[in-house]
Amino acid sequence: MPETALDRLKRITAWETDPALTEDELNATLATYAREDLNGYTPADEEWQPTYDLHAAAAQAWLDKAAKASMLTEVDPPGSGVVTSKVFDNCRAMARIYGAKCRMTISVA
């Protein structure tokens, strides 16, 4: 069975890893980044084949995770060495990575 856009978005955003995202949040993000398909149909058209800017959706999802982690600045659990503010930093780094992929262009001769 081919991987769906939602499945891929779940995978590239580590959606179940804290700070976790819900399926509803990911579906809303996908809907925001729905695009015209290869035949020129838009999401409003009945003939539209689901087409998304997955890199933009992933960047947004990572920003959403960063927002959830923004208040975390403690060592959790105490003595563990896990600094939760690093979670925020890592989410922002992933958002930058996927955001940069949105801006890539490839020229074909």
N, C-alpha and C. Protein backbone atom coordinates (compact mmCIF):
# COMPACT_ATOMS: atom_id res chain seq x y z
N MET A 1 0.84 -1.18 0.00
CA MET A 1 0.00 0.00 0.00
C MET A 1 0.89 1.25 0.00
N PRO A 2 0.66 2.17 -0.93
CA PRO A 2 1.51 3.37 -1.00
C PRO A 2 1.31 4.27 0.24
N GLU A 3 2.37 4.96 0.57
CA GLU A 3 2.34 5.88 1.70
C GLU A 3 1.48 7.09 1.35
N THR A 4 0.55 7.45 2.23
CA THR A 4 -0.29 8.62 2.00
C THR A 4 0.46 9.88 2.43
N ALA A 5 -0.06 11.03 2.03
CA ALA A 5 0.54 12.29 2.44
C ALA A 5 0.52 12.41 3.97
N LEU A 6 -0.57 11.98 4.59
CA LEU A 6 -0.65 12.05 6.05
C LEU A 6 0.38 11.12 6.68
N ASP A 7 0.52 9.91 6.14
CA ASP A 7 1.53 8.98 6.67
C ASP A 7 2.93 9.58 6.57
N ARG A 8 3.23 10.17 5.44
CA ARG A 8 4.57 10.76 5.25
C ARG A 8 4.77 11.93 6.20
N LEU A 9 3.74 12.77 6.34
CA LEU A 9 3.86 13.91 7.25
C LEU A 9 4.07 13.42 8.68
N LYS A 10 3.37 12.38 9.07
CA LYS A 10 3.57 11.81 10.40
C LYS A 10 5.02 11.36 10.57
N ARG A 11 5.54 10.69 9.56
CA ARG A 11 6.90 10.14 9.64
C ARG A 11 7.94 11.24 9.71
N ILE A 12 7.84 12.26 8.87
CA ILE A 12 8.90 13.28 8.81
C ILE A 12 8.79 14.33 9.91
N THR A 13 7.71 14.26 10.69
CA THR A 13 7.58 15.19 11.80
C THR A 13 7.67 14.50 13.17
N ALA A 14 7.94 13.20 13.16
CA ALA A 14 7.99 12.47 14.43
C ALA A 14 6.78 12.85 15.28
N TRP A 15 5.62 12.74 14.68
CA TRP A 15 4.39 13.29 15.23
C TRP A 15 4.02 12.79 16.62
N GLU A 16 4.41 11.58 16.98
CA GLU A 16 4.06 11.05 18.29
C GLU A 16 5.11 11.35 19.36
N THR A 17 6.24 11.89 18.95
CA THR A 17 7.30 12.23 19.89
C THR A 17 7.00 13.59 20.50
N ASP A 18 7.16 13.68 21.82
CA ASP A 18 6.87 14.95 22.50
C ASP A 18 7.77 16.07 21.99
N PRO A 19 7.16 17.21 21.77
CA PRO A 19 5.75 17.54 21.90
C PRO A 19 4.96 16.95 20.72
N ALA A 20 4.02 16.11 21.04
CA ALA A 20 3.28 15.36 20.03
C ALA A 20 2.27 16.24 19.30
N LEU A 21 1.98 15.81 18.08
CA LEU A 21 0.93 16.44 17.28
C LEU A 21 -0.20 15.43 17.15
N THR A 22 -1.40 15.92 16.96
CA THR A 22 -2.54 15.02 16.77
C THR A 22 -2.80 14.84 15.27
N GLU A 23 -3.54 13.80 14.94
CA GLU A 23 -3.93 13.61 13.54
C GLU A 23 -4.75 14.78 13.05
N ASP A 24 -5.61 15.32 13.89
CA ASP A 24 -6.41 16.49 13.50
C ASP A 24 -5.52 17.68 13.15
N GLU A 25 -4.48 17.90 13.97
CA GLU A 25 -3.55 19.00 13.68
C GLU A 25 -2.83 18.77 12.36
N LEU A 26 -2.39 17.54 12.13
CA LEU A 26 -1.68 17.25 10.88
C LEU A 26 -2.61 17.35 9.68
N ASN A 27 -3.84 16.88 9.81
CA ASN A 27 -4.80 17.01 8.70
C ASN A 27 -5.08 18.48 8.39
N ALA A 28 -5.19 19.31 9.42
CA ALA A 28 -5.41 20.74 9.20
C ALA A 28 -4.21 21.37 8.51
N THR A 29 -3.02 20.96 8.90
CA THR A 29 -1.81 21.47 8.26
C THR A 29 -1.76 21.05 6.80
N LEU A 30 -2.07 19.80 6.52
CA LEU A 30 -2.12 19.33 5.13
C LEU A 30 -3.12 20.14 4.33
N ALA A 31 -4.29 20.39 4.89
CA ALA A 31 -5.32 21.15 4.18
C ALA A 31 -4.83 22.55 3.84
N THR A 32 -4.06 23.13 4.74
CA THR A 32 -3.50 24.47 4.49
C THR A 32 -2.55 24.46 3.29
N TYR A 33 -1.84 23.35 3.12
CA TYR A 33 -0.84 23.27 2.06
C TYR A 33 -1.28 22.39 0.89
N ALA A 34 -2.59 22.26 0.71
CA ALA A 34 -3.13 21.56 -0.46
C ALA A 34 -2.86 22.43 -1.69
N ARG A 35 -2.50 21.79 -2.78
CA ARG A 35 -2.11 22.50 -4.00
C ARG A 35 -2.87 21.98 -5.21
N GLU A 36 -2.80 22.75 -6.26
CA GLU A 36 -3.35 22.34 -7.56
C GLU A 36 -2.66 21.05 -8.00
N ASP A 37 -3.44 20.11 -8.53
CA ASP A 37 -2.84 18.85 -8.97
C ASP A 37 -2.26 18.97 -10.38
N LEU A 38 -1.70 17.91 -10.89
CA LEU A 38 -1.05 17.93 -12.21
C LEU A 38 -2.00 18.26 -13.35
N ASN A 39 -3.29 18.03 -13.14
CA ASN A 39 -4.28 18.33 -14.17
C ASN A 39 -4.87 19.73 -14.03
N GLY A 40 -4.37 20.50 -13.08
CA GLY A 40 -4.84 21.87 -12.89
C GLY A 40 -6.06 21.98 -11.99
N TYR A 41 -6.48 20.89 -11.38
CA TYR A 41 -7.62 20.93 -10.47
C TYR A 41 -7.18 21.41 -9.10
N THR A 42 -8.03 22.18 -8.46
CA THR A 42 -7.76 22.68 -7.11
C THR A 42 -8.52 21.83 -6.11
N PRO A 43 -8.20 21.97 -4.82
CA PRO A 43 -8.92 21.19 -3.81
C PRO A 43 -10.44 21.41 -3.85
N ALA A 44 -10.89 22.51 -4.40
CA ALA A 44 -12.32 22.78 -4.50
C ALA A 44 -12.99 21.97 -5.62
N ASP A 45 -12.19 21.44 -6.53
CA ASP A 45 -12.73 20.68 -7.66
C ASP A 45 -12.95 19.22 -7.28
N GLU A 46 -14.05 18.66 -7.75
CA GLU A 46 -14.38 17.27 -7.47
C GLU A 46 -13.33 16.31 -8.03
N GLU A 47 -12.70 16.67 -9.14
CA GLU A 47 -11.74 15.80 -9.81
C GLU A 47 -10.33 15.89 -9.21
N TRP A 48 -10.14 16.78 -8.24
CA TRP A 48 -8.82 17.02 -7.66
C TRP A 48 -8.22 15.74 -7.10
N GLN A 49 -6.97 15.51 -7.44
CA GLN A 49 -6.19 14.42 -6.86
C GLN A 49 -5.36 15.02 -5.73
N PRO A 50 -5.49 14.50 -4.52
CA PRO A 50 -4.80 15.11 -3.38
C PRO A 50 -3.32 15.38 -3.67
N THR A 51 -2.96 16.65 -3.57
CA THR A 51 -1.62 17.13 -3.87
C THR A 51 -1.28 18.17 -2.81
N TYR A 52 -0.10 18.02 -2.20
CA TYR A 52 0.27 18.91 -1.09
C TYR A 52 1.72 19.35 -1.23
N ASP A 53 2.02 20.49 -0.67
CA ASP A 53 3.40 20.92 -0.50
C ASP A 53 3.85 20.33 0.84
N LEU A 54 4.37 19.10 0.79
CA LEU A 54 4.72 18.40 2.02
C LEU A 54 5.86 19.06 2.79
N HIS A 55 6.79 19.68 2.06
CA HIS A 55 7.89 20.36 2.77
C HIS A 55 7.36 21.55 3.56
N ALA A 56 6.46 22.31 2.97
CA ALA A 56 5.86 23.45 3.68
C ALA A 56 5.03 22.96 4.86
N ALA A 57 4.28 21.88 4.65
CA ALA A 57 3.48 21.31 5.73
C ALA A 57 4.37 20.82 6.87
N ALA A 58 5.48 20.18 6.52
CA ALA A 58 6.41 19.69 7.55
C ALA A 58 7.04 20.85 8.31
N ALA A 59 7.43 21.91 7.59
CA ALA A 59 8.00 23.09 8.27
C ALA A 59 6.99 23.65 9.26
N GLN A 60 5.72 23.76 8.84
CA GLN A 60 4.68 24.28 9.74
C GLN A 60 4.46 23.35 10.93
N ALA A 61 4.44 22.05 10.69
CA ALA A 61 4.24 21.10 11.77
C ALA A 61 5.38 21.19 12.79
N TRP A 62 6.61 21.33 12.30
CA TRP A 62 7.74 21.48 13.23
C TRP A 62 7.63 22.79 14.01
N LEU A 63 7.14 23.85 13.36
CA LEU A 63 6.93 25.11 14.10
C LEU A 63 5.84 24.92 15.16
N ASP A 64 4.81 24.15 14.82
CA ASP A 64 3.76 23.86 15.80
C ASP A 64 4.33 23.10 16.99
N LYS A 65 5.21 22.15 16.71
CA LYS A 65 5.86 21.42 17.81
C LYS A 65 6.73 22.36 18.63
N ALA A 66 7.43 23.28 17.96
CA ALA A 66 8.26 24.25 18.68
C ALA A 66 7.40 25.12 19.58
N ALA A 67 6.23 25.52 19.09
CA ALA A 67 5.33 26.35 19.91
C ALA A 67 4.92 25.60 21.18
N LYS A 68 4.65 24.31 21.03
CA LYS A 68 4.28 23.50 22.20
C LYS A 68 5.44 23.37 23.17
N ALA A 69 6.66 23.39 22.65
CA ALA A 69 7.85 23.21 23.50
C ALA A 69 8.41 24.54 24.01
N SER A 70 7.84 25.65 23.60
CA SER A 70 8.45 26.95 23.89
C SER A 70 8.56 27.28 25.37
N MET A 71 7.73 26.70 26.17
CA MET A 71 7.77 27.00 27.61
C MET A 71 8.67 26.03 28.37
N LEU A 72 9.25 25.07 27.69
CA LEU A 72 10.06 24.06 28.36
C LEU A 72 11.50 24.52 28.49
N THR A 73 11.95 24.75 29.70
CA THR A 73 13.33 25.19 29.91
C THR A 73 13.97 24.48 31.09
N GLU A 74 13.36 23.42 31.53
CA GLU A 74 13.83 22.69 32.70
C GLU A 74 14.65 21.47 32.29
N VAL A 75 15.31 20.87 33.26
CA VAL A 75 15.91 19.56 33.07
C VAL A 75 14.83 18.56 33.48
N ASP A 76 14.44 17.71 32.54
CA ASP A 76 13.27 16.85 32.77
C ASP A 76 13.58 15.41 32.43
N PRO A 77 13.49 14.49 33.35
CA PRO A 77 13.32 14.70 34.79
C PRO A 77 14.61 15.22 35.41
N PRO A 78 14.49 15.85 36.58
CA PRO A 78 15.68 16.40 37.23
C PRO A 78 16.79 15.35 37.34
N GLY A 79 17.99 15.77 36.99
CA GLY A 79 19.13 14.87 37.06
C GLY A 79 19.32 14.00 35.84
N SER A 80 18.39 14.06 34.88
CA SER A 80 18.48 13.18 33.71
C SER A 80 19.44 13.69 32.66
N GLY A 81 19.73 14.99 32.68
CA GLY A 81 20.57 15.56 31.64
C GLY A 81 19.80 15.95 30.40
N VAL A 82 18.48 15.71 30.38
CA VAL A 82 17.65 16.08 29.24
C VAL A 82 17.17 17.51 29.46
N VAL A 83 17.72 18.44 28.71
CA VAL A 83 17.33 19.85 28.82
C VAL A 83 16.22 20.08 27.82
N THR A 84 15.01 20.33 28.33
CA THR A 84 13.86 20.41 27.45
C THR A 84 13.88 21.63 26.54
N SER A 85 14.66 22.65 26.86
CA SER A 85 14.75 23.79 25.95
C SER A 85 15.40 23.36 24.63
N LYS A 86 16.19 22.29 24.67
CA LYS A 86 16.80 21.76 23.45
C LYS A 86 15.73 21.20 22.52
N VAL A 87 14.62 20.73 23.08
CA VAL A 87 13.51 20.25 22.25
C VAL A 87 13.02 21.40 21.37
N PHE A 88 12.84 22.57 21.96
CA PHE A 88 12.44 23.76 21.21
C PHE A 88 13.45 24.06 20.12
N ASP A 89 14.73 24.08 20.46
CA ASP A 89 15.78 24.36 19.48
C ASP A 89 15.77 23.35 18.34
N ASN A 90 15.60 22.08 18.68
CA ASN A 90 15.59 21.04 17.65
C ASN A 90 14.38 21.17 16.73
N CYS A 91 13.22 21.48 17.29
CA CYS A 91 12.02 21.67 16.47
C CYS A 91 12.21 22.84 15.50
N ARG A 92 12.80 23.91 15.99
CA ARG A 92 13.06 25.08 15.12
C ARG A 92 14.06 24.71 14.02
N ALA A 93 15.06 23.93 14.36
CA ALA A 93 16.04 23.51 13.36
C ALA A 93 15.38 22.68 12.27
N MET A 94 14.50 21.77 12.66
CA MET A 94 13.79 20.95 11.68
C MET A 94 12.88 21.81 10.81
N ALA A 95 12.24 22.80 11.40
CA ALA A 95 11.39 23.71 10.62
C ALA A 95 12.22 24.44 9.58
N ARG A 96 13.43 24.86 9.95
CA ARG A 96 14.32 25.54 8.98
C ARG A 96 14.73 24.61 7.85
N ILE A 97 15.01 23.37 8.18
CA ILE A 97 15.42 22.40 7.16
C ILE A 97 14.31 22.21 6.14
N TYR A 98 13.08 21.95 6.61
CA TYR A 98 11.97 21.74 5.68
C TYR A 98 11.56 23.03 5.00
N GLY A 99 11.68 24.15 5.69
CA GLY A 99 11.39 25.45 5.07
C GLY A 99 12.33 25.73 3.91
N ALA A 100 13.60 25.37 4.06
CA ALA A 100 14.57 25.58 2.98
C ALA A 100 14.25 24.70 1.78
N LYS A 101 13.72 23.52 2.02
CA LYS A 101 13.35 22.62 0.91
C LYS A 101 12.20 23.20 0.10
N CYS A 102 11.36 24.01 0.72
CA CYS A 102 10.24 24.64 0.00
C CYS A 102 10.75 25.63 -1.03
N ARG A 103 11.86 26.24 -0.74
CA ARG A 103 12.38 27.30 -1.61
C ARG A 103 13.34 26.77 -2.68
N MET A 104 13.59 25.49 -2.68
CA MET A 104 14.50 24.91 -3.67
C MET A 104 13.85 24.93 -5.05
N THR A 105 14.67 25.20 -6.04
CA THR A 105 14.22 25.07 -7.42
C THR A 105 15.26 24.26 -8.18
N ILE A 106 14.80 23.57 -9.18
CA ILE A 106 15.70 22.77 -10.01
C ILE A 106 15.47 23.17 -11.45
N SER A 107 16.53 23.52 -12.14
CA SER A 107 16.44 23.85 -13.56
C SER A 107 16.72 22.62 -14.38
N VAL A 108 15.91 22.41 -15.39
CA VAL A 108 16.11 21.28 -16.29
C VAL A 108 16.38 21.84 -17.68
N ALA A 109 17.51 21.44 -18.24
CA ALA A 109 17.90 21.97 -19.55
C ALA A 109 17.10 21.32 -20.66
